[in-house]
């Protein structure tokens, strides 16, 4: 899937296409990514749990 096909006069840089190609997976995995980051932040105690929950609105 090419997200920006037909929207620009110049050809899209391959790096842009590479970046956009993961979006279909990102839509499925976003909740897991958020929860993983939350656990990481809590584990290294960068933020207290209360603030992590508030930041992530979980």
PDB file of N, CA and C in Angstrom:
ATOM      1  N   UNK A   1       0.839  -1.179   0.000  1.00  0.00           N
ATOM      2  CA  UNK A   1       0.000   0.000   0.000  1.00  0.00           C
ATOM      3  C   UNK A   1       0.886   1.246   0.000  1.00  0.00           C
ATOM      4  N   UNK A   2       0.627   2.137  -0.919  1.00  0.00           N
ATOM      5  CA  UNK A   2       1.354   3.400  -0.978  1.00  0.00           C
ATOM      6  C   UNK A   2       0.394   4.496  -0.527  1.00  0.00           C
ATOM      7  N   UNK A   3       0.665   5.037   0.654  1.00  0.00           N
ATOM      8  CA  UNK A   3      -0.271   5.979   1.267  1.00  0.00           C
ATOM      9  C   UNK A   3      -0.445   7.275   0.489  1.00  0.00           C
ATOM     10  N   UNK A   4       0.614   7.772  -0.059  1.00  0.00           N
ATOM     11  CA  UNK A   4       0.575   9.110  -0.634  1.00  0.00           C
ATOM     12  C   UNK A   4       0.502   9.087  -2.160  1.00  0.00           C
ATOM     13  N   UNK A   5       0.148   7.979  -2.742  1.00  0.00           N
ATOM     14  CA  UNK A   5       0.104   7.851  -4.202  1.00  0.00           C
ATOM     15  C   UNK A   5      -0.844   8.885  -4.803  1.00  0.00           C
ATOM     16  N   UNK A   6      -0.351   9.611  -5.775  1.00  0.00           N
ATOM     17  CA  UNK A   6      -1.165  10.585  -6.487  1.00  0.00           C
ATOM     18  C   UNK A   6      -1.319  11.932  -5.811  1.00  0.00           C
ATOM     19  N   UNK A   7      -0.731  12.133  -4.660  1.00  0.00           N
ATOM     20  CA  UNK A   7      -0.905  13.396  -3.940  1.00  0.00           C
ATOM     21  C   UNK A   7       0.209  14.398  -4.206  1.00  0.00           C
ATOM     22  N   UNK A   8       1.338  13.913  -4.697  1.00  0.00           N
ATOM     23  CA  UNK A   8       2.475  14.794  -4.934  1.00  0.00           C
ATOM     24  C   UNK A   8       2.946  14.643  -6.369  1.00  0.00           C
ATOM     25  N   UNK A   9       3.563  15.695  -6.876  1.00  0.00           N
ATOM     26  CA  UNK A   9       4.074  15.657  -8.243  1.00  0.00           C
ATOM     27  C   UNK A   9       5.363  14.845  -8.326  1.00  0.00           C
ATOM     28  N   UNK A  10       6.222  14.986  -7.319  1.00  0.00           N
ATOM     29  CA  UNK A  10       7.480  14.238  -7.300  1.00  0.00           C
ATOM     30  C   UNK A  10       7.250  12.839  -6.736  1.00  0.00           C
ATOM     31  N   UNK A  11       8.156  11.944  -7.070  1.00  0.00           N
ATOM     32  CA  UNK A  11       8.086  10.594  -6.527  1.00  0.00           C
ATOM     33  C   UNK A  11       8.455  10.626  -5.040  1.00  0.00           C
ATOM     34  N   UNK A  12       7.758   9.829  -4.250  1.00  0.00           N
ATOM     35  CA  UNK A  12       7.996   9.769  -2.814  1.00  0.00           C
ATOM     36  C   UNK A  12       9.302   9.017  -2.538  1.00  0.00           C
ATOM     37  N   UNK A  13      10.080   9.539  -1.618  1.00  0.00           N
ATOM     38  CA  UNK A  13      11.333   8.907  -1.218  1.00  0.00           C
ATOM     39  C   UNK A  13      11.054   7.515  -0.656  1.00  0.00           C
ATOM     40  N   UNK A  14      11.874   6.559  -0.990  1.00  0.00           N
ATOM     41  CA  UNK A  14      11.696   5.181  -0.542  1.00  0.00           C
ATOM     42  C   UNK A  14      11.676   5.079   0.988  1.00  0.00           C
ATOM     43  N   UNK A  15      12.433   5.939   1.674  1.00  0.00           N
ATOM     44  CA  UNK A  15      12.428   5.903   3.144  1.00  0.00           C
ATOM     45  C   UNK A  15      11.053   6.246   3.703  1.00  0.00           C
ATOM     46  N   UNK A  16      10.343   7.130   3.040  1.00  0.00           N
ATOM     47  CA  UNK A  16       8.980   7.466   3.457  1.00  0.00           C
ATOM     48  C   UNK A  16       8.071   6.261   3.282  1.00  0.00           C
ATOM     49  N   UNK A  17       8.181   5.600   2.162  1.00  0.00           N
ATOM     50  CA  UNK A  17       7.377   4.405   1.928  1.00  0.00           C
ATOM     51  C   UNK A  17       7.712   3.303   2.934  1.00  0.00           C
ATOM     52  N   UNK A  18       8.990   3.159   3.241  1.00  0.00           N
ATOM     53  CA  UNK A  18       9.399   2.150   4.224  1.00  0.00           C
ATOM     54  C   UNK A  18       8.784   2.451   5.590  1.00  0.00           C
ATOM     55  N   UNK A  19       8.825   3.700   5.981  1.00  0.00           N
ATOM     56  CA  UNK A  19       8.259   4.107   7.267  1.00  0.00           C
ATOM     57  C   UNK A  19       6.750   3.855   7.301  1.00  0.00           C
ATOM     58  N   UNK A  20       6.069   4.239   6.257  1.00  0.00           N
ATOM     59  CA  UNK A  20       4.610   4.090   6.208  1.00  0.00           C
ATOM     60  C   UNK A  20       4.158   2.647   6.087  1.00  0.00           C
ATOM     61  N   UNK A  21       5.027   1.772   5.653  1.00  0.00           N
ATOM     62  CA  UNK A  21       4.612   0.382   5.446  1.00  0.00           C
ATOM     63  C   UNK A  21       4.274  -0.336   6.743  1.00  0.00           C
ATOM     64  N   UNK A  22       4.698   0.182   7.882  1.00  0.00           N
ATOM     65  CA  UNK A  22       4.405  -0.483   9.150  1.00  0.00           C
ATOM     66  C   UNK A  22       3.074  -0.054   9.764  1.00  0.00           C
ATOM     67  N   UNK A  23       2.387   0.884   9.168  1.00  0.00           N
ATOM     68  CA  UNK A  23       1.178   1.433   9.776  1.00  0.00           C
ATOM     69  C   UNK A  23       0.112   0.372  10.006  1.00  0.00           C
ATOM     70  N   UNK A  24      -0.055  -0.574   9.113  1.00  0.00           N
ATOM     71  CA  UNK A  24      -1.096  -1.594   9.326  1.00  0.00           C
ATOM     72  C   UNK A  24      -0.800  -2.430  10.567  1.00  0.00           C
ATOM     73  N   UNK A  25       0.497  -2.646  10.871  1.00  0.00           N
ATOM     74  CA  UNK A  25       0.857  -3.359  12.091  1.00  0.00           C
ATOM     75  C   UNK A  25       0.706  -2.461  13.309  1.00  0.00           C
ATOM     76  N   UNK A  26       1.052  -1.199  13.153  1.00  0.00           N
ATOM     77  CA  UNK A  26       0.945  -0.252  14.255  1.00  0.00           C
ATOM     78  C   UNK A  26      -0.493  -0.135  14.739  1.00  0.00           C
ATOM     79  N   UNK A  27      -1.455  -0.158  13.831  1.00  0.00           N
ATOM     80  CA  UNK A  27      -2.861  -0.058  14.211  1.00  0.00           C
ATOM     81  C   UNK A  27      -3.277  -1.233  15.091  1.00  0.00           C
ATOM     82  N   UNK A  28      -2.688  -2.382  14.865  1.00  0.00           N
ATOM     83  CA  UNK A  28      -3.019  -3.575  15.643  1.00  0.00           C
ATOM     84  C   UNK A  28      -2.281  -3.590  16.975  1.00  0.00           C
ATOM     85  N   UNK A  29      -1.058  -3.101  16.993  1.00  0.00           N
ATOM     86  CA  UNK A  29      -0.184  -3.262  18.152  1.00  0.00           C
ATOM     87  C   UNK A  29      -0.079  -2.047  19.067  1.00  0.00           C
ATOM     88  N   UNK A  30      -0.790  -0.970  18.792  1.00  0.00           N
ATOM     89  CA  UNK A  30      -0.551   0.256  19.555  1.00  0.00           C
ATOM     90  C   UNK A  30      -0.818   0.095  21.048  1.00  0.00           C
ATOM     91  N   UNK A  31      -1.841  -0.668  21.429  1.00  0.00           N
ATOM     92  CA  UNK A  31      -2.130  -0.838  22.857  1.00  0.00           C
ATOM     93  C   UNK A  31      -0.993  -1.572  23.567  1.00  0.00           C
ATOM     94  N   UNK A  32      -0.468  -2.598  22.912  1.00  0.00           N
ATOM     95  CA  UNK A  32       0.648  -3.339  23.493  1.00  0.00           C
ATOM     96  C   UNK A  32       1.883  -2.461  23.619  1.00  0.00           C
ATOM     97  N   UNK A  33       2.110  -1.612  22.642  1.00  0.00           N
ATOM     98  CA  UNK A  33       3.254  -0.691  22.697  1.00  0.00           C
ATOM     99  C   UNK A  33       3.125   0.266  23.877  1.00  0.00           C
ATOM    100  N   UNK A  34       1.935   0.798  24.078  1.00  0.00           N
ATOM    101  CA  UNK A  34       1.720   1.733  25.180  1.00  0.00           C
ATOM    102  C   UNK A  34       1.921   1.034  26.519  1.00  0.00           C
ATOM    103  N   UNK A  35       1.352  -0.147  26.674  1.00  0.00           N
ATOM    104  CA  UNK A  35       1.482  -0.855  27.946  1.00  0.00           C
ATOM    105  C   UNK A  35       2.934  -1.279  28.193  1.00  0.00           C
ATOM    106  N   UNK A  36       3.654  -1.656  27.167  1.00  0.00           N
ATOM    107  CA  UNK A  36       5.063  -2.019  27.326  1.00  0.00           C
ATOM    108  C   UNK A  36       5.885  -0.821  27.774  1.00  0.00           C
ATOM    109  N   UNK A  37       5.636   0.319  27.173  1.00  0.00           N
ATOM    110  CA  UNK A  37       6.368   1.520  27.559  1.00  0.00           C
ATOM    111  C   UNK A  37       6.036   1.908  28.987  1.00  0.00           C
ATOM    112  N   UNK A  38       4.783   1.764  29.348  1.00  0.00           N
ATOM    113  CA  UNK A  38       4.378   2.060  30.723  1.00  0.00           C
ATOM    114  C   UNK A  38       5.150   1.185  31.710  1.00  0.00           C
ATOM    115  N   UNK A  39       5.211  -0.112  31.445  1.00  0.00           N
ATOM    116  CA  UNK A  39       5.931  -1.021  32.344  1.00  0.00           C
ATOM    117  C   UNK A  39       7.417  -0.688  32.398  1.00  0.00           C
ATOM    118  N   UNK A  40       7.991  -0.343  31.264  1.00  0.00           N
ATOM    119  CA  UNK A  40       9.416   0.020  31.244  1.00  0.00           C
ATOM    120  C   UNK A  40       9.680   1.236  32.119  1.00  0.00           C
ATOM    121  N   UNK A  41       8.857   2.256  31.969  1.00  0.00           N
ATOM    122  CA  UNK A  41       9.041   3.467  32.754  1.00  0.00           C
ATOM    123  C   UNK A  41       8.866   3.199  34.244  1.00  0.00           C
ATOM    124  N   UNK A  42       7.899   2.367  34.579  1.00  0.00           N
ATOM    125  CA  UNK A  42       7.695   2.033  35.988  1.00  0.00           C
ATOM    126  C   UNK A  42       8.873   1.232  36.535  1.00  0.00           C
ATOM    127  N   UNK A  43       9.368   0.285  35.745  1.00  0.00           N
ATOM    128  CA  UNK A  43      10.455  -0.581  36.200  1.00  0.00           C
ATOM    129  C   UNK A  43      11.746   0.178  36.459  1.00  0.00           C
ATOM    130  N   UNK A  44      12.042   1.152  35.656  1.00  0.00           N
ATOM    131  CA  UNK A  44      13.282   1.903  35.865  1.00  0.00           C
ATOM    132  C   UNK A  44      13.052   3.115  36.758  1.00  0.00           C
ATOM    133  N   UNK A  45      11.824   3.236  37.221  1.00  0.00           N
ATOM    134  CA  UNK A  45      11.450   4.276  38.165  1.00  0.00           C
ATOM    135  C   UNK A  45      11.752   5.692  37.674  1.00  0.00           C
ATOM    136  N   UNK A  46      11.636   5.888  36.378  1.00  0.00           N
ATOM    137  CA  UNK A  46      11.783   7.240  35.847  1.00  0.00           C
ATOM    138  C   UNK A  46      10.594   8.091  36.260  1.00  0.00           C
ATOM    139  N   UNK A  47       9.478   7.456  36.345  1.00  0.00           N
ATOM    140  CA  UNK A  47       8.262   8.143  36.753  1.00  0.00           C
ATOM    141  C   UNK A  47       7.538   7.261  37.763  1.00  0.00           C
ATOM    142  N   UNK A  48       6.925   7.868  38.710  1.00  0.00           N
ATOM    143  CA  UNK A  48       6.134   7.076  39.647  1.00  0.00           C
ATOM    144  C   UNK A  48       4.874   6.593  38.943  1.00  0.00           C
ATOM    145  N   UNK A  49       4.318   5.484  39.407  1.00  0.00           N
ATOM    146  CA  UNK A  49       3.169   4.876  38.734  1.00  0.00           C
ATOM    147  C   UNK A  49       2.021   5.859  38.534  1.00  0.00           C
ATOM    148  N   UNK A  50       1.784   6.680  39.495  1.00  0.00           N
ATOM    149  CA  UNK A  50       0.681   7.634  39.416  1.00  0.00           C
ATOM    150  C   UNK A  50       0.847   8.572  38.220  1.00  0.00           C
ATOM    151  N   UNK A  51       2.064   9.034  38.016  1.00  0.00           N
ATOM    152  CA  UNK A  51       2.307   9.951  36.901  1.00  0.00           C
ATOM    153  C   UNK A  51       2.269   9.223  35.564  1.00  0.00           C
ATOM    154  N   UNK A  52       2.769   7.992  35.533  1.00  0.00           N
ATOM    155  CA  UNK A  52       2.720   7.208  34.290  1.00  0.00           C
ATOM    156  C   UNK A  52       1.271   7.000  33.881  1.00  0.00           C
ATOM    157  N   UNK A  53       0.440   6.622  34.830  1.00  0.00           N
ATOM    158  CA  UNK A  53      -0.976   6.408  34.521  1.00  0.00           C
ATOM    159  C   UNK A  53      -1.623   7.683  34.000  1.00  0.00           C
ATOM    160  N   UNK A  54      -1.281   8.799  34.603  1.00  0.00           N
ATOM    161  CA  UNK A  54      -1.854  10.065  34.165  1.00  0.00           C
ATOM    162  C   UNK A  54      -1.362  10.430  32.766  1.00  0.00           C
ATOM    163  N   UNK A  55      -0.082  10.225  32.520  1.00  0.00           N
ATOM    164  CA  UNK A  55       0.460  10.539  31.197  1.00  0.00           C
ATOM    165  C   UNK A  55      -0.174   9.697  30.104  1.00  0.00           C
ATOM    166  N   UNK A  56      -0.382   8.421  30.403  1.00  0.00           N
ATOM    167  CA  UNK A  56      -0.927   7.505  29.394  1.00  0.00           C
ATOM    168  C   UNK A  56      -2.448   7.397  29.473  1.00  0.00           C
ATOM    169  N   UNK A  57      -3.042   8.076  30.440  1.00  0.00           N
ATOM    170  CA  UNK A  57      -4.493   8.058  30.637  1.00  0.00           C
ATOM    171  C   UNK A  57      -5.025   6.634  30.675  1.00  0.00           C
ATOM    172  N   UNK A  58      -4.355   5.794  31.447  1.00  0.00           N
ATOM    173  CA  UNK A  58      -4.762   4.383  31.563  1.00  0.00           C
ATOM    174  C   UNK A  58      -5.243   4.139  32.972  1.00  0.00           C
TER     175      UNK A  58
END
